[in-house]
Amino acid sequence: MNAPKFTTLGCRLNAYETEAMKALAAQAGLAGAVVVNTCAVTSEAVRKARQEIRRLRRENPGARLIVTGCAAQTEPGTFAAMEEVDAVIGNTEKMQPDTWSRLAADFIGDVERVQVNDIMSVRETAGHLIDGFGTRSRAYVQVQNGCDHRCTFCIIPYGRGNSRSVPAGVVVDQIKRLVGAGYHEVVLTGVDLTSWGADLPTQPKLGDLVMRILKLVPDLARLRISSIDSIEVDDNLMQAIATEPRLMPHLHLSLQHGDDLILKRMKRRHLRDDAIRFAEEARKLRPEMTFGADIIAGFPTETEAAFENSLRLVEACHLTWLHVFPYSPRPGTPAARMPQVDGGTIRARAARLRAAGASRVAAHLAAQQGQRHAVLMESARMGRTEQFTEVLFDSDRPEGTIVPATITGHTATQLLAG
């Protein structure tokens, strides 16, 4: 049987869901298809999705081409209008076995070409479908999906729906199986991870989940949490940062900007000082803590002074790993109707932010000279420290193991060890 080919665009959660779709398609017996799991986070992401679909059609002229993911959910008409596309499947439908069974049984005849329903009506997430995914060393576990917030620049709630949480017991059982299968590190993922638990009985917090995992899965060597909203961090998560060495000292923060007026226009729930206060407290509790962050350059109405506040935030929060997003308007969002910044200015500011990030990376790498680290090997000669910094070795190490290493130097982006 000619197994379907899957292409994933966008976030780690999309990659997780692609693994689930592979299993569902195999169980249904779907053959001779190409599946594109799209991203909608920016207009550029949608443009790239269309470009990828056209490329895949050229390379697979006889294949049946299915488009799904966030861009398919938010703009089904855009993809249905493409002559290269045979079917458009929504984010809820892509995780349902019946969808793949219908596609396998009768791809064109009785199957609706566009299967995209109201994502806001969904009340549960499909985190139980697969036991994580990743390399042989690290597994990712979806514990949450969707978002209840409505930031003015963001289309994602309309692609993912409202926040839904996977119950703690399901998560713990998943992680026990992953550890039993040989994984040394697990990463908790979600769209708005710090909202985990709000829709569950007793409304537990993310920190409660972290503490429960570490208590009930004592053989788990390393636990990571992906992008968080620092204003929603709870007391138990701070306690875990302070007292649990198996919780890795690396947090990716959804900051978006460093200027209070822009943050208000973004409809964020924190101000500049909130971000700085959180970073200072986390580093006080865990001095080796490193931070990544999402920052948008050129948000509508952003002045040079407002942008400078974002630049200064990089130093004020001791940020190391920056994800810089040049602002692009998403139709249907409030920010798209605000006065826009010139494209050239946006690109120049994004470049300045990236340069500031590169400077912070260089400082972090230099500070590791002579330091000892426990490195999780992702390949024979490359692994990552507890702070998620890449380390290159000059000889082979067993993939998937955690090895001690002394840092002997660094390149522009990686540490070196003997």
Protein backbone atom coordinates (compact mmCIF):
# COMPACT_ATOMS: atom_id res chain seq x y z
CA MET A 1 0.00 0.00 0.00
CA ASN A 2 1.26 3.47 -0.91
CA ALA A 3 1.29 5.23 2.49
CA PRO A 4 0.24 8.90 2.60
CA LYS A 5 2.94 11.57 2.63
CA PHE A 6 2.60 14.17 5.40
CA THR A 7 4.04 17.70 5.42
CA THR A 8 3.92 19.76 8.63
CA LEU A 9 4.12 23.56 8.75
CA GLY A 10 4.21 25.65 11.91
CA CYS A 11 4.35 24.78 15.58
CA ARG A 12 5.35 21.78 17.66
CA LEU A 13 1.68 21.04 18.35
CA ASN A 14 1.07 20.71 14.62
CA ALA A 15 3.93 18.22 14.44
CA TYR A 16 2.38 16.28 17.32
CA GLU A 17 -0.97 16.16 15.55
CA THR A 18 0.66 15.05 12.31
CA GLU A 19 1.89 11.97 14.16
CA ALA A 20 -1.67 11.28 15.29
CA MET A 21 -2.98 11.73 11.74
CA LYS A 22 -0.40 9.29 10.40
CA ALA A 23 -1.74 6.66 12.79
CA LEU A 24 -5.38 7.45 11.93
CA ALA A 25 -4.70 7.32 8.18
CA ALA A 26 -2.86 4.01 8.53
CA GLN A 27 -5.68 2.51 10.60
CA ALA A 28 -8.20 3.66 7.97
CA GLY A 29 -6.14 2.24 5.11
CA LEU A 30 -5.82 5.57 3.30
CA ALA A 31 -3.35 5.31 0.41
CA GLY A 32 -2.05 7.48 -2.41
CA ALA A 33 -2.51 10.83 -0.68
CA VAL A 34 -0.46 13.88 0.29
CA VAL A 35 -1.52 15.65 3.50
CA VAL A 36 -0.45 19.21 4.34
CA ASN A 37 -0.90 20.32 7.96
CA THR A 38 -0.89 24.13 7.71
CA CYS A 39 -0.11 27.05 10.02
CA ALA A 40 -2.01 30.35 10.25
CA VAL A 41 0.05 32.31 12.78
CA THR A 42 0.98 34.99 10.19
CA SER A 43 -0.04 35.97 6.67
CA GLU A 44 3.38 34.75 5.60
CA ALA A 45 2.59 31.31 7.06
CA VAL A 46 -0.53 31.10 4.90
CA ARG A 47 1.41 32.22 1.83
CA LYS A 48 4.02 29.52 2.49
CA ALA A 49 1.25 26.93 2.87
CA ARG A 50 -0.14 27.81 -0.57
CA GLN A 51 3.38 27.71 -2.02
CA GLU A 52 4.03 24.30 -0.46
CA ILE A 53 0.74 22.92 -1.79
CA ARG A 54 1.63 24.00 -5.32
CA ARG A 55 5.09 22.43 -5.00
CA LEU A 56 3.69 19.16 -3.68
CA ARG A 57 1.17 19.00 -6.50
CA ARG A 58 3.93 19.41 -9.08
CA GLU A 59 5.98 16.68 -7.42
CA ASN A 60 3.00 14.34 -6.90
CA PRO A 61 0.75 14.89 -9.94
CA GLY A 62 -1.37 11.78 -9.43
CA ALA A 63 -1.76 12.00 -5.66
CA ARG A 64 -4.87 13.05 -3.82
CA LEU A 65 -4.00 16.23 -1.88
CA ILE A 66 -5.60 16.96 1.51
CA VAL A 67 -5.15 20.29 3.32
CA THR A 68 -5.75 20.60 7.05
CA GLY A 69 -4.47 22.56 10.06
CA CYS A 70 -5.03 26.09 11.32
CA ALA A 71 -4.97 27.85 7.94
CA ALA A 72 -7.49 25.33 6.58
CA GLN A 73 -9.66 26.00 9.63
CA THR A 74 -9.55 29.79 9.39
CA GLU A 75 -9.54 30.12 5.59
CA PRO A 76 -11.21 27.00 4.14
CA GLY A 77 -12.40 28.90 1.07
CA THR A 78 -8.85 29.98 0.21
CA PHE A 79 -7.68 26.39 -0.05
CA ALA A 80 -10.88 24.99 -1.55
CA ALA A 81 -10.42 27.47 -4.40
CA MET A 82 -6.98 26.05 -5.23
CA GLU A 83 -7.15 23.66 -8.18
CA GLU A 84 -4.34 21.62 -6.63
CA VAL A 85 -6.46 20.72 -3.56
CA ASP A 86 -8.81 17.72 -3.40
CA ALA A 87 -10.12 18.12 0.18
CA VAL A 88 -10.00 20.62 3.04
CA ILE A 89 -10.25 19.20 6.57
CA GLY A 90 -10.72 21.25 9.77
CA ASN A 91 -8.68 21.00 12.96
CA THR A 92 -11.38 19.04 14.78
CA GLU A 93 -12.11 16.73 11.86
CA LYS A 94 -8.44 15.85 11.31
CA MET A 95 -8.28 14.18 14.74
CA GLN A 96 -11.40 12.03 14.23
CA PRO A 97 -11.01 8.42 13.01
CA ASP A 98 -14.28 8.64 11.03
CA THR A 99 -12.85 11.41 8.86
CA TRP A 100 -9.98 9.23 7.69
CA SER A 101 -12.22 6.20 7.25
CA ARG A 102 -14.51 8.20 4.95
CA LEU A 103 -11.55 9.53 3.00
CA ALA A 104 -10.13 6.04 2.58
CA ALA A 105 -13.49 4.53 1.56
CA ASP A 106 -14.49 7.13 -1.02
CA PHE A 107 -12.17 10.05 -1.50
CA ILE A 108 -14.16 12.02 -4.05
CA GLY A 109 -17.64 10.52 -4.39
CA ASP A 110 -19.63 10.84 -1.18
CA VAL A 111 -17.03 12.71 0.83
CA GLU A 112 -17.61 16.42 1.21
CA ARG A 113 -14.69 18.30 -0.34
CA VAL A 114 -14.67 20.80 2.57
CA GLN A 115 -15.10 19.38 6.07
CA VAL A 116 -14.60 22.31 8.44
CA ASN A 117 -16.99 22.80 11.34
CA ASP A 118 -17.27 25.38 14.14
CA ILE A 119 -14.08 25.00 16.19
CA MET A 120 -15.60 27.06 19.03
CA SER A 121 -18.08 24.28 19.76
CA VAL A 122 -15.33 21.77 20.60
CA ARG A 123 -15.15 20.89 24.30
CA GLU A 124 -12.28 18.39 24.52
CA THR A 125 -8.82 17.92 23.09
CA ALA A 126 -7.31 14.82 21.53
CA GLY A 127 -4.18 14.59 23.64
CA HIS A 128 -4.72 10.91 24.30
CA LEU A 129 -4.32 9.84 20.68
CA ILE A 130 -0.58 9.16 20.68
CA ASP A 131 2.09 8.66 23.31
CA GLY A 132 4.14 11.67 22.39
CA PHE A 133 6.52 12.09 19.48
CA GLY A 134 10.01 13.36 18.88
CA THR A 135 13.52 12.00 18.57
CA ARG A 136 14.67 8.89 20.39
CA SER A 137 15.73 11.15 23.24
CA ARG A 138 12.85 13.56 23.75
CA ALA A 139 9.06 13.17 23.60
CA TYR A 140 6.42 15.87 23.34
CA VAL A 141 3.08 15.45 25.12
CA GLN A 142 0.06 17.60 24.30
CA VAL A 143 -1.73 18.59 27.51
CA GLN A 144 -3.79 21.52 26.25
CA ASN A 145 -5.27 22.97 23.06
CA GLY A 146 -7.03 26.20 22.10
CA CYS A 147 -7.04 29.65 23.72
CA ASP A 148 -9.65 31.69 25.59
CA HIS A 149 -7.81 34.99 25.08
CA ARG A 150 -8.29 37.36 22.17
CA CYS A 151 -5.05 39.21 21.52
CA THR A 152 -5.72 41.75 18.79
CA PHE A 153 -3.03 40.40 16.42
CA CYS A 154 -3.81 36.70 16.77
CA ILE A 155 -5.92 34.44 14.57
CA ILE A 156 -5.03 31.23 16.42
CA PRO A 157 -8.14 31.00 18.68
CA TYR A 158 -10.20 30.85 15.49
CA GLY A 159 -8.06 27.99 14.24
CA ARG A 160 -7.81 26.12 17.54
CA GLY A 161 -10.97 27.00 19.42
CA ASN A 162 -11.35 27.67 23.13
CA SER A 163 -8.99 26.25 25.73
CA ARG A 164 -9.34 22.53 26.49
CA SER A 165 -7.19 20.51 28.90
CA VAL A 166 -6.15 16.87 28.97
CA PRO A 167 -6.89 15.49 32.48
CA ALA A 168 -3.85 15.06 34.72
CA GLY A 169 -4.35 11.31 35.09
CA VAL A 170 -4.25 10.83 31.33
CA VAL A 171 -1.07 12.91 31.10
CA VAL A 172 0.66 11.01 33.92
CA ASP A 173 -0.23 7.64 32.39
CA GLN A 174 1.14 8.81 29.02
CA ILE A 175 4.42 9.94 30.54
CA LYS A 176 4.79 6.67 32.46
CA ARG A 177 4.49 4.79 29.17
CA LEU A 178 7.01 7.08 27.51
CA VAL A 179 9.53 6.61 30.32
CA GLY A 180 8.93 2.88 30.12
CA ALA A 181 9.71 3.08 26.40
CA GLY A 182 13.09 4.65 27.15
CA TYR A 183 12.51 8.41 26.91
CA HIS A 184 14.61 10.49 29.33
CA GLU A 185 12.95 13.83 28.64
CA VAL A 186 9.34 14.89 28.16
CA VAL A 187 8.13 18.31 26.97
CA LEU A 188 4.61 19.48 27.84
CA THR A 189 3.04 21.33 24.90
CA GLY A 190 -0.11 23.33 24.23
CA VAL A 191 -1.42 26.46 22.56
CA ASP A 192 -1.85 28.40 25.84
CA LEU A 193 -0.11 26.09 28.28
CA THR A 194 -0.57 28.18 31.43
CA SER A 195 -4.35 28.01 31.00
CA TRP A 196 -4.19 24.23 31.54
CA GLY A 197 -6.78 23.05 34.04
CA ALA A 198 -9.22 25.96 33.93
CA ASP A 199 -11.86 23.77 32.28
CA LEU A 200 -11.30 20.73 34.53
CA PRO A 201 -13.04 19.91 37.83
CA THR A 202 -11.41 21.80 40.76
CA GLN A 203 -9.62 24.00 38.17
CA PRO A 204 -6.04 22.85 38.83
CA LYS A 205 -3.09 24.94 37.61
CA LEU A 206 -0.13 24.05 35.43
CA GLY A 207 2.10 23.96 38.50
CA ASP A 208 -0.17 21.32 40.02
CA LEU A 209 0.29 19.18 36.91
CA VAL A 210 4.07 19.63 36.93
CA MET A 211 4.35 18.66 40.61
CA ARG A 212 2.07 15.67 40.08
CA ILE A 213 4.12 14.40 37.14
CA LEU A 214 7.40 14.72 39.04
CA LYS A 215 5.93 12.95 42.07
CA LEU A 216 4.16 10.11 40.26
CA VAL A 217 6.81 9.46 37.59
CA PRO A 218 10.01 9.31 39.67
CA ASP A 219 11.98 7.66 36.84
CA LEU A 220 11.45 10.64 34.51
CA ALA A 221 14.88 12.27 34.29
CA ARG A 222 13.90 15.61 32.75
CA LEU A 223 10.66 17.54 32.34
CA ARG A 224 10.32 20.66 30.21
CA ILE A 225 7.44 23.01 29.67
CA SER A 226 7.08 24.86 26.38
CA SER A 227 5.89 28.44 25.82
CA ILE A 228 4.13 30.00 28.81
CA ASP A 229 2.35 33.24 29.61
CA SER A 230 4.32 34.55 32.58
CA ILE A 231 1.39 36.53 34.04
CA GLU A 232 -0.52 33.24 34.50
CA VAL A 233 2.27 31.34 36.28
CA ASP A 234 0.97 29.91 39.58
CA ASP A 235 2.63 29.43 42.97
CA ASN A 236 3.18 25.69 42.50
CA LEU A 237 5.02 26.26 39.24
CA MET A 238 7.28 28.77 40.97
CA GLN A 239 7.84 26.21 43.74
CA ALA A 240 8.76 23.60 41.13
CA ILE A 241 11.24 26.03 39.56
CA ALA A 242 12.81 26.55 42.98
CA THR A 243 12.85 22.98 44.29
CA GLU A 244 12.65 20.46 41.44
CA PRO A 245 15.98 19.87 39.64
CA ARG A 246 14.24 17.55 37.16
CA LEU A 247 12.25 20.55 35.85
CA MET A 248 14.65 22.01 33.31
CA PRO A 249 15.86 25.63 33.79
CA HIS A 250 14.62 26.93 30.46
CA LEU A 251 11.35 28.78 29.89
CA HIS A 252 10.02 30.24 26.66
CA LEU A 253 7.95 33.35 27.45
CA SER A 254 5.10 34.76 25.39
CA LEU A 255 6.05 38.42 25.89
CA GLN A 256 5.28 39.93 22.43
CA HIS A 257 6.44 43.47 23.28
CA GLY A 258 8.22 45.67 25.79
CA ASP A 259 6.09 48.82 25.65
CA ASP A 260 3.04 49.22 27.90
CA LEU A 261 0.88 51.10 25.39
CA ILE A 262 1.56 48.55 22.65
CA LEU A 263 0.88 45.71 25.10
CA LYS A 264 -2.50 47.28 25.88
CA ARG A 265 -3.26 47.66 22.17
CA MET A 266 -2.31 44.01 21.74
CA LYS A 267 -4.79 43.19 24.53
CA ARG A 268 -2.11 41.36 26.46
CA ARG A 269 -2.69 40.68 30.14
CA HIS A 270 0.69 41.85 31.41
CA LEU A 271 2.72 45.04 31.37
CA ARG A 272 6.46 45.53 30.94
CA ASP A 273 7.21 45.51 34.68
CA ASP A 274 5.26 42.26 35.12
CA ALA A 275 7.57 40.52 32.66
CA ILE A 276 10.70 41.91 34.29
CA ARG A 277 9.44 40.99 37.77
CA PHE A 278 8.72 37.39 36.73
CA ALA A 279 12.13 36.97 35.08
CA GLU A 280 13.91 38.35 38.14
CA GLU A 281 11.97 36.09 40.50
CA ALA A 282 12.56 32.98 38.40
CA ARG A 283 16.30 33.67 38.20
CA LYS A 284 16.42 34.32 41.93
CA LEU A 285 14.81 30.91 42.54
CA ARG A 286 16.93 29.18 39.87
CA PRO A 287 20.09 31.17 39.00
CA GLU A 288 20.85 29.02 35.94
CA MET A 289 17.42 29.76 34.41
CA THR A 290 17.50 30.83 30.76
CA PHE A 291 14.66 32.41 28.83
CA GLY A 292 13.44 32.37 25.27
CA ALA A 293 10.75 34.79 24.16
CA ASP A 294 8.37 35.69 21.36
CA ILE A 295 8.60 39.36 20.36
CA ILE A 296 6.72 41.12 17.56
CA ALA A 297 8.46 43.89 15.62
CA GLY A 298 6.43 46.64 13.97
CA PHE A 299 3.04 46.16 15.60
CA PRO A 300 0.57 48.82 14.37
CA THR A 301 1.22 52.29 15.88
CA GLU A 302 4.67 51.18 17.14
CA THR A 303 6.89 54.29 17.41
CA GLU A 304 10.67 54.22 17.55
CA ALA A 305 10.46 54.86 21.31
CA ALA A 306 8.04 51.94 21.76
CA PHE A 307 10.34 49.69 19.75
CA GLU A 308 13.31 50.73 21.88
CA ASN A 309 11.38 49.48 24.90
CA SER A 310 11.27 46.03 23.31
CA LEU A 311 15.01 46.19 22.62
CA ARG A 312 15.70 47.12 26.24
CA LEU A 313 13.42 44.32 27.45
CA VAL A 314 15.87 41.79 25.98
CA GLU A 315 18.48 42.95 28.50
CA ALA A 316 16.06 43.68 31.35
CA CYS A 317 14.66 40.13 31.29
CA HIS A 318 18.00 38.46 30.44
CA LEU A 319 16.43 36.89 27.36
CA THR A 320 18.63 34.50 25.37
CA TRP A 321 16.67 32.68 22.67
CA LEU A 322 14.50 35.15 20.73
CA HIS A 323 11.73 34.27 18.29
CA VAL A 324 11.27 37.55 16.41
CA PHE A 325 8.10 37.96 14.35
CA PRO A 326 7.87 40.86 11.89
CA TYR A 327 4.23 41.95 12.23
CA SER A 328 1.93 41.02 9.38
CA PRO A 329 -1.81 41.79 9.49
CA ARG A 330 -4.21 38.86 9.75
CA PRO A 331 -7.59 39.63 8.14
CA GLY A 332 -10.36 39.52 10.72
CA THR A 333 -8.20 40.62 13.65
CA PRO A 334 -8.57 44.06 15.32
CA ALA A 335 -4.87 44.88 14.77
CA ALA A 336 -5.33 44.60 11.01
CA ARG A 337 -7.60 47.69 11.22
CA MET A 338 -5.10 49.77 13.20
CA PRO A 339 -2.63 52.23 11.57
CA GLN A 340 0.13 50.07 10.09
CA VAL A 341 3.90 50.53 10.28
CA ASP A 342 5.83 50.73 7.00
CA GLY A 343 7.11 47.34 5.83
CA GLY A 344 10.71 48.49 5.52
CA THR A 345 10.66 49.81 9.06
CA ILE A 346 9.20 46.52 10.31
CA ARG A 347 11.97 44.52 8.63
CA ALA A 348 14.69 46.83 9.97
CA ARG A 349 13.35 46.62 13.52
CA ALA A 350 13.08 42.83 13.30
CA ALA A 351 16.73 42.72 12.21
CA ARG A 352 17.75 44.88 15.18
CA LEU A 353 15.89 42.58 17.56
CA ARG A 354 17.54 39.52 16.04
CA ALA A 355 20.94 41.19 16.43
CA ALA A 356 20.18 41.85 20.10
CA GLY A 357 19.22 38.21 20.46
CA ALA A 358 22.44 37.07 18.78
CA SER A 359 24.42 39.21 21.22
CA ARG A 360 22.62 37.59 24.16
CA VAL A 361 23.30 34.11 22.75
CA ALA A 362 27.00 34.96 22.43
CA ALA A 363 27.11 36.11 26.06
CA HIS A 364 25.35 32.95 27.22
CA LEU A 365 27.71 30.68 25.28
CA ALA A 366 30.80 32.48 26.57
CA ALA A 367 29.57 32.14 30.17
CA GLN A 368 29.44 28.36 29.83
CA GLN A 369 33.20 27.96 29.28
CA GLY A 370 34.49 25.41 31.80
CA GLN A 371 31.00 24.62 33.12
CA ARG A 372 29.80 21.05 33.68
CA HIS A 373 26.49 20.04 32.11
CA ALA A 374 24.29 16.98 31.81
CA VAL A 375 23.71 16.72 28.07
CA LEU A 376 20.85 14.78 26.50
CA MET A 377 22.21 13.33 23.25
CA GLU A 378 19.98 13.93 20.21
CA SER A 379 22.42 12.38 17.76
CA ALA A 380 25.83 10.74 17.98
CA ARG A 381 27.65 14.05 18.38
CA MET A 382 25.02 16.64 19.31
CA GLY A 383 22.96 17.06 22.47
CA ARG A 384 21.39 19.76 24.61
CA THR A 385 22.12 21.05 28.08
CA GLU A 386 19.50 21.53 30.76
CA GLN A 387 19.14 25.10 29.41
CA PHE A 388 18.40 23.73 25.91
CA THR A 389 21.73 24.89 24.49
CA GLU A 390 23.18 22.72 21.73
CA VAL A 391 26.50 20.99 22.47
CA LEU A 392 28.79 19.49 19.81
CA PHE A 393 31.14 16.63 20.80
CA ASP A 394 34.34 15.56 19.07
CA SER A 395 33.50 11.86 19.37
CA ASP A 396 30.37 9.72 19.38
CA ARG A 397 28.05 9.32 22.36
CA PRO A 398 25.03 6.97 22.56
CA GLU A 399 21.94 8.71 21.18
CA GLY A 400 19.17 9.16 23.76
CA THR A 401 21.46 9.02 26.79
CA ILE A 402 22.31 11.76 29.27
CA VAL A 403 26.08 12.26 29.46
CA PRO A 404 28.24 14.55 31.64
CA ALA A 405 30.26 17.12 29.72
CA THR A 406 32.68 19.95 30.41
CA ILE A 407 32.35 22.87 28.01
CA THR A 408 35.62 23.61 26.22
CA GLY A 409 34.53 26.35 23.81
CA HIS A 410 31.79 27.48 21.48
CA THR A 411 30.86 28.43 17.93
CA ALA A 412 28.44 31.28 17.10
CA THR A 413 25.46 29.17 18.12
CA GLN A 414 26.66 25.99 19.86
CA LEU A 415 28.79 24.87 22.76
CA LEU A 416 31.74 22.51 22.29
CA ALA A 417 32.73 19.58 24.52
CA GLY A 418 35.42 16.92 24.38
